[in-house]
Amino acid sequence: MSEDTPLAKNNQRMEPDQLQTPDNGAGINADTQERLYLLRLMIERQQQQIENLQEVVSGLQLETLQYRFSELKEANSDNIALYIDLERRIVEQDREISSAYELQLLQRASELDTYGDQNRLFSPSRKLIDTYPVAHKADIKLDMEAVTYVEGHNPHLIAQVTRGFELRYSMLVTDYYEFEFSDAPDAVIDALNKKSDLENLPRYRKFVDEEWKLRAIAICESVIRQWKAFNTPSVDSSGFSIAAADRKMERVNDMIEILDNEIQGSSSDDSEFSDGSSIF
């Protein structure tokens, strides 16, 4: 009788379902693959659901935005209409202002044209001159714009209008630019305008104290000379004092106020000149 080996005894103690066979490994692997497959299907379904939800949310957001836009548009329709109306009015006002400004330039140019008409200016018969429309106070900057306007729109009149400017302000047109009067302080512009008024307006030609008027003109001329010297490279100028020029012109304006009071008293019985209806 043969003895059982240890290996044979060990095999006898193992149950049949505990034996490791190739079929056992294959079964475990198939089960894992099936579970992985089911898990993959579940993930794909969830991804599809997420995509569907994203589309729904996107659609709802677009709908909400469109609805809000519609609400805002309706709420602002009155404001939009008001804006359009205001814009139209602004355009109309700009057009009116432009037309009024052009008319003003034409009026100033017409006065300069009269000043430049030497035959009328020194005509033995003053009838035509005295019936000319009311002369406006001097405004050298505006009159220079009128000269520029005539040069661009009525060049055949430019010579006479330029001559009128030079007679009105005792200054060449070229000097206006050479001495930079376009950028001059207010006191200098005031001096140019007041000097021109005192020399040319009829109210100061007939009724005022001549010596008083000449003193005011001399102060204006001193301000103008100082500005010219300041803008002349060849002249040794210590500078231009705006404060000093302002003080001088305050004095001139006080003197003119006295002259105006004198004129008012002297012309109360003179209907020809009391309303300033003559240019000279």
Protein backbone atom coordinates (compact mmCIF):
# COMPACT_ATOMS: atom_id res chain seq x y z
CA MET A 1 0.00 0.00 0.00
CA SER A 2 1.57 3.30 -0.99
CA GLU A 3 1.90 6.36 1.28
CA ASP A 4 0.33 9.65 0.35
CA THR A 5 2.76 12.47 -0.24
CA PRO A 6 2.28 15.86 1.54
CA LEU A 7 1.18 17.42 -1.72
CA ALA A 8 -1.40 14.70 -2.31
CA LYS A 9 -2.69 15.12 1.25
CA ASN A 10 -3.02 18.89 0.80
CA ASN A 11 -4.96 18.46 -2.45
CA GLN A 12 -7.28 16.05 -0.75
CA ARG A 13 -8.12 18.72 1.92
CA MET A 14 -9.18 21.40 -0.72
CA GLU A 15 -12.84 21.69 -1.69
CA PRO A 16 -13.72 21.38 -5.33
CA ASP A 17 -14.99 25.03 -5.56
CA GLN A 18 -11.70 26.34 -4.18
CA LEU A 19 -9.62 25.07 -7.07
CA GLN A 20 -7.91 27.83 -9.13
CA THR A 21 -8.57 27.17 -12.78
CA PRO A 22 -8.17 29.29 -15.91
CA ASP A 23 -11.95 29.46 -16.14
CA ASN A 24 -12.15 31.14 -12.73
CA GLY A 25 -9.91 34.11 -13.90
CA ALA A 26 -11.83 34.57 -17.10
CA GLY A 27 -15.12 34.86 -15.18
CA ILE A 28 -13.80 37.57 -12.87
CA ASN A 29 -12.43 39.61 -15.83
CA ALA A 30 -15.73 39.40 -17.75
CA ASP A 31 -17.64 40.67 -14.74
CA THR A 32 -15.33 43.66 -14.35
CA GLN A 33 -15.61 44.56 -18.02
CA GLU A 34 -19.39 44.40 -17.83
CA ARG A 35 -19.42 46.70 -14.83
CA LEU A 36 -17.07 49.14 -16.60
CA TYR A 37 -19.32 49.07 -19.67
CA LEU A 38 -22.40 49.87 -17.58
CA LEU A 39 -20.52 52.66 -15.80
CA ARG A 40 -19.45 54.14 -19.16
CA LEU A 41 -23.07 54.08 -20.38
CA MET A 42 -24.16 55.85 -17.22
CA ILE A 43 -21.51 58.56 -17.67
CA GLU A 44 -22.50 59.11 -21.31
CA ARG A 45 -26.17 59.45 -20.33
CA GLN A 46 -25.26 61.97 -17.62
CA GLN A 47 -23.13 63.97 -20.08
CA GLN A 48 -26.04 64.03 -22.52
CA GLN A 49 -28.36 65.21 -19.75
CA ILE A 50 -25.89 67.96 -18.84
CA GLU A 51 -25.69 69.11 -22.47
CA ASN A 52 -29.48 69.12 -22.69
CA LEU A 53 -29.69 71.16 -19.51
CA GLN A 54 -27.09 73.62 -20.83
CA GLU A 55 -29.13 74.13 -23.99
CA VAL A 56 -32.27 74.73 -21.94
CA VAL A 57 -30.49 77.20 -19.64
CA SER A 58 -28.93 79.00 -22.60
CA GLY A 59 -32.31 79.29 -24.27
CA LEU A 60 -33.89 80.58 -21.08
CA GLN A 61 -31.11 83.16 -20.63
CA LEU A 62 -31.51 84.41 -24.20
CA GLU A 63 -35.26 84.59 -23.72
CA THR A 64 -34.80 86.51 -20.49
CA LEU A 65 -32.35 88.93 -22.08
CA GLN A 66 -34.62 89.54 -25.04
CA TYR A 67 -37.53 90.14 -22.71
CA ARG A 68 -35.52 92.60 -20.59
CA PHE A 69 -34.33 94.39 -23.70
CA SER A 70 -37.90 94.69 -24.90
CA GLU A 71 -38.92 96.08 -21.52
CA LEU A 72 -36.08 98.60 -21.50
CA LYS A 73 -36.75 99.65 -25.07
CA GLU A 74 -40.40 100.25 -24.28
CA ALA A 75 -39.58 102.09 -21.06
CA ASN A 76 -37.05 104.32 -22.84
CA SER A 77 -39.10 104.99 -25.94
CA ASP A 78 -40.21 108.34 -24.52
CA ASN A 79 -36.63 109.27 -23.67
CA ILE A 80 -35.47 108.27 -27.15
CA ALA A 81 -38.18 110.42 -28.72
CA LEU A 82 -37.18 113.33 -26.47
CA TYR A 83 -33.51 112.88 -27.41
CA ILE A 84 -34.33 112.92 -31.12
CA ASP A 85 -36.43 116.05 -30.67
CA LEU A 86 -33.66 117.81 -28.72
CA GLU A 87 -31.10 116.83 -31.33
CA ARG A 88 -33.32 118.29 -34.06
CA ARG A 89 -33.73 121.52 -32.10
CA ILE A 90 -29.98 121.81 -31.58
CA VAL A 91 -29.41 121.47 -35.32
CA GLU A 92 -32.03 124.14 -35.99
CA GLN A 93 -30.52 126.47 -33.39
CA ASP A 94 -27.03 125.96 -34.82
CA ARG A 95 -28.40 126.88 -38.23
CA GLU A 96 -30.09 129.98 -36.82
CA ILE A 97 -26.97 131.02 -34.93
CA SER A 98 -24.87 130.54 -38.05
CA SER A 99 -27.28 132.67 -40.08
CA ALA A 100 -27.39 135.38 -37.40
CA TYR A 101 -23.58 135.41 -37.16
CA GLU A 102 -23.26 135.68 -40.93
CA LEU A 103 -25.74 138.58 -40.93
CA GLN A 104 -23.72 140.29 -38.20
CA LEU A 105 -20.53 139.94 -40.25
CA LEU A 106 -22.31 141.41 -43.26
CA GLN A 107 -23.46 144.40 -41.20
CA ARG A 108 -19.96 145.02 -39.88
CA ALA A 109 -18.51 144.65 -43.37
CA SER A 110 -21.07 147.14 -44.69
CA GLU A 111 -19.98 149.70 -42.10
CA LEU A 112 -16.32 149.13 -42.92
CA ASP A 113 -17.17 149.53 -46.58
CA THR A 114 -18.66 152.94 -45.78
CA TYR A 115 -15.57 153.94 -43.81
CA GLY A 116 -13.44 152.88 -46.75
CA ASP A 117 -15.40 154.93 -49.29
CA GLN A 118 -13.15 157.97 -49.46
CA ASN A 119 -15.49 159.83 -51.85
CA ARG A 120 -18.39 159.57 -49.41
CA LEU A 121 -16.20 160.14 -46.37
CA PHE A 122 -14.93 163.51 -47.58
CA SER A 123 -17.87 164.50 -49.78
CA PRO A 124 -18.86 168.19 -49.53
CA SER A 125 -22.44 166.97 -49.11
CA ARG A 126 -22.88 165.11 -45.83
CA LYS A 127 -26.47 164.09 -46.53
CA LEU A 128 -25.65 160.58 -47.77
CA ILE A 129 -23.25 159.92 -44.92
CA ASP A 130 -25.54 161.17 -42.17
CA THR A 131 -28.39 158.95 -43.31
CA TYR A 132 -26.27 155.80 -43.07
CA PRO A 133 -27.54 153.24 -40.51
CA VAL A 134 -26.56 153.52 -36.84
CA ALA A 135 -22.86 152.98 -36.24
CA HIS A 136 -22.03 150.22 -33.80
CA LYS A 137 -19.37 150.50 -31.17
CA ALA A 138 -15.93 149.36 -32.23
CA ASP A 139 -15.19 145.64 -32.03
CA ILE A 140 -11.83 145.07 -33.66
CA LYS A 141 -11.91 141.29 -33.40
CA LEU A 142 -15.36 141.03 -34.96
CA ASP A 143 -14.45 143.53 -37.67
CA MET A 144 -11.35 141.50 -38.52
CA GLU A 145 -13.60 138.46 -38.90
CA ALA A 146 -15.79 140.55 -41.21
CA VAL A 147 -12.74 141.41 -43.33
CA THR A 148 -11.86 137.71 -43.55
CA TYR A 149 -15.47 136.88 -44.47
CA VAL A 150 -15.50 139.45 -47.29
CA GLU A 151 -12.17 138.15 -48.58
CA GLY A 152 -13.69 134.69 -48.93
CA HIS A 153 -17.18 135.62 -50.17
CA ASN A 154 -16.91 139.04 -51.87
CA PRO A 155 -13.27 139.48 -52.90
CA HIS A 156 -14.16 142.38 -55.20
CA LEU A 157 -15.02 144.43 -52.07
CA ILE A 158 -12.00 143.47 -50.00
CA ALA A 159 -9.89 146.53 -50.90
CA GLN A 160 -12.50 149.03 -49.73
CA VAL A 161 -13.48 147.01 -46.65
CA THR A 162 -9.80 146.68 -45.69
CA ARG A 163 -9.34 150.42 -46.09
CA GLY A 164 -12.37 150.97 -43.87
CA PHE A 165 -10.86 148.73 -41.18
CA GLU A 166 -7.57 150.61 -41.30
CA LEU A 167 -9.32 153.99 -41.05
CA ARG A 168 -11.57 152.83 -38.23
CA TYR A 169 -8.74 151.50 -36.06
CA SER A 170 -5.78 153.56 -37.33
CA MET A 171 -3.99 150.29 -38.00
CA LEU A 172 -2.98 148.25 -41.02
CA VAL A 173 -4.56 144.83 -41.33
CA THR A 174 -1.06 143.36 -41.49
CA ASP A 175 -0.18 145.06 -38.17
CA TYR A 176 -3.09 143.29 -36.50
CA TYR A 177 -1.37 139.97 -37.16
CA GLU A 178 2.22 141.16 -36.90
CA PHE A 179 1.72 142.46 -33.35
CA GLU A 180 -0.51 139.53 -32.38
CA PHE A 181 -3.52 141.63 -31.42
CA SER A 182 -5.69 138.56 -31.89
CA ASP A 183 -4.09 137.14 -28.71
CA ALA A 184 -3.79 140.43 -26.84
CA PRO A 185 -5.12 140.82 -23.27
CA ASP A 186 -8.58 142.29 -22.80
CA ALA A 187 -7.17 145.67 -21.75
CA VAL A 188 -5.34 146.05 -25.09
CA ILE A 189 -8.45 145.16 -27.11
CA ASP A 190 -10.46 147.58 -24.96
CA ALA A 191 -7.89 150.31 -25.68
CA LEU A 192 -8.16 149.75 -29.44
CA ASN A 193 -11.97 149.81 -29.35
CA LYS A 194 -12.29 152.84 -27.03
CA LYS A 195 -9.76 154.85 -29.06
CA SER A 196 -11.71 154.08 -32.25
CA ASP A 197 -15.04 155.06 -30.67
CA LEU A 198 -13.67 158.33 -29.30
CA GLU A 199 -12.23 159.22 -32.71
CA ASN A 200 -15.12 158.12 -34.93
CA LEU A 201 -18.52 157.88 -33.27
CA PRO A 202 -20.67 161.01 -33.78
CA ARG A 203 -21.54 161.31 -30.08
CA TYR A 204 -17.88 162.02 -29.32
CA ARG A 205 -17.27 164.28 -32.33
CA LYS A 206 -19.65 167.09 -31.48
CA PHE A 207 -20.53 167.42 -27.82
CA VAL A 208 -17.57 166.41 -25.69
CA ASP A 209 -14.76 168.37 -24.10
CA GLU A 210 -11.98 167.96 -26.68
CA GLU A 211 -9.16 168.13 -24.15
CA TRP A 212 -10.81 165.49 -21.94
CA LYS A 213 -11.36 163.24 -24.94
CA LEU A 214 -7.74 163.62 -26.11
CA ARG A 215 -6.46 162.65 -22.67
CA ALA A 216 -8.51 159.44 -22.79
CA ILE A 217 -7.24 158.69 -26.30
CA ALA A 218 -3.63 159.26 -25.18
CA ILE A 219 -4.00 156.70 -22.40
CA CYS A 220 -5.40 154.17 -24.90
CA GLU A 221 -2.48 154.84 -27.23
CA SER A 222 0.04 154.25 -24.43
CA VAL A 223 -1.45 150.80 -23.76
CA ILE A 224 -1.36 149.98 -27.49
CA ARG A 225 2.27 151.18 -27.82
CA GLN A 226 3.39 149.05 -24.89
CA TRP A 227 1.78 145.97 -26.45
CA LYS A 228 3.45 146.68 -29.80
CA ALA A 229 6.84 147.11 -28.11
CA PHE A 230 6.33 143.86 -26.23
CA ASN A 231 5.75 142.08 -29.56
CA THR A 232 8.63 143.73 -31.43
CA PRO A 233 11.82 141.60 -31.16
CA SER A 234 14.11 144.51 -32.09
CA VAL A 235 12.81 146.68 -29.23
CA ASP A 236 14.25 146.21 -25.75
CA SER A 237 11.04 145.74 -23.77
CA SER A 238 10.89 145.05 -20.06
CA GLY A 239 7.66 143.13 -20.58
CA PHE A 240 3.99 143.91 -20.64
CA SER A 241 2.10 144.42 -17.39
CA ILE A 242 -1.51 143.31 -17.71
CA ALA A 243 -2.29 144.74 -14.28
CA ALA A 244 -0.94 148.18 -15.27
CA ALA A 245 -2.90 148.08 -18.54
CA ASP A 246 -6.06 147.15 -16.65
CA ARG A 247 -5.62 150.12 -14.31
CA LYS A 248 -5.16 152.49 -17.24
CA MET A 249 -8.27 151.24 -18.98
CA GLU A 250 -10.30 151.51 -15.77
CA ARG A 251 -9.35 155.18 -15.75
CA VAL A 252 -10.32 155.56 -19.42
CA ASN A 253 -13.71 153.95 -18.81
CA ASP A 254 -14.31 156.32 -15.90
CA MET A 255 -13.45 159.26 -18.17
CA ILE A 256 -15.79 157.97 -20.89
CA GLU A 257 -18.58 157.66 -18.33
CA ILE A 258 -18.09 161.35 -17.50
CA LEU A 259 -18.13 162.20 -21.22
CA ASP A 260 -21.33 160.21 -21.71
CA ASN A 261 -22.99 162.10 -18.86
CA GLU A 262 -21.87 165.37 -20.44
CA ILE A 263 -23.24 164.26 -23.82
CA GLN A 264 -26.54 163.23 -22.29
CA GLY A 265 -26.98 166.68 -20.79
CA SER A 266 -25.84 168.54 -23.90
CA SER A 267 -27.88 166.56 -26.43
CA SER A 268 -31.25 166.43 -24.65
CA ASP A 269 -32.64 169.04 -27.06
CA ASP A 270 -30.82 167.80 -30.18
CA SER A 271 -32.90 165.13 -31.93
CA GLU A 272 -30.37 164.64 -34.74
CA PHE A 273 -27.67 163.14 -32.54
CA SER A 274 -29.35 162.15 -29.28
CA ASP A 275 -30.13 158.66 -30.58
CA GLY A 276 -26.76 158.18 -32.27
CA SER A 277 -28.38 157.78 -35.68
CA SER A 278 -25.38 159.08 -37.63
CA ILE A 279 -22.21 157.24 -38.39
CA PHE A 280 -20.08 160.43 -38.15
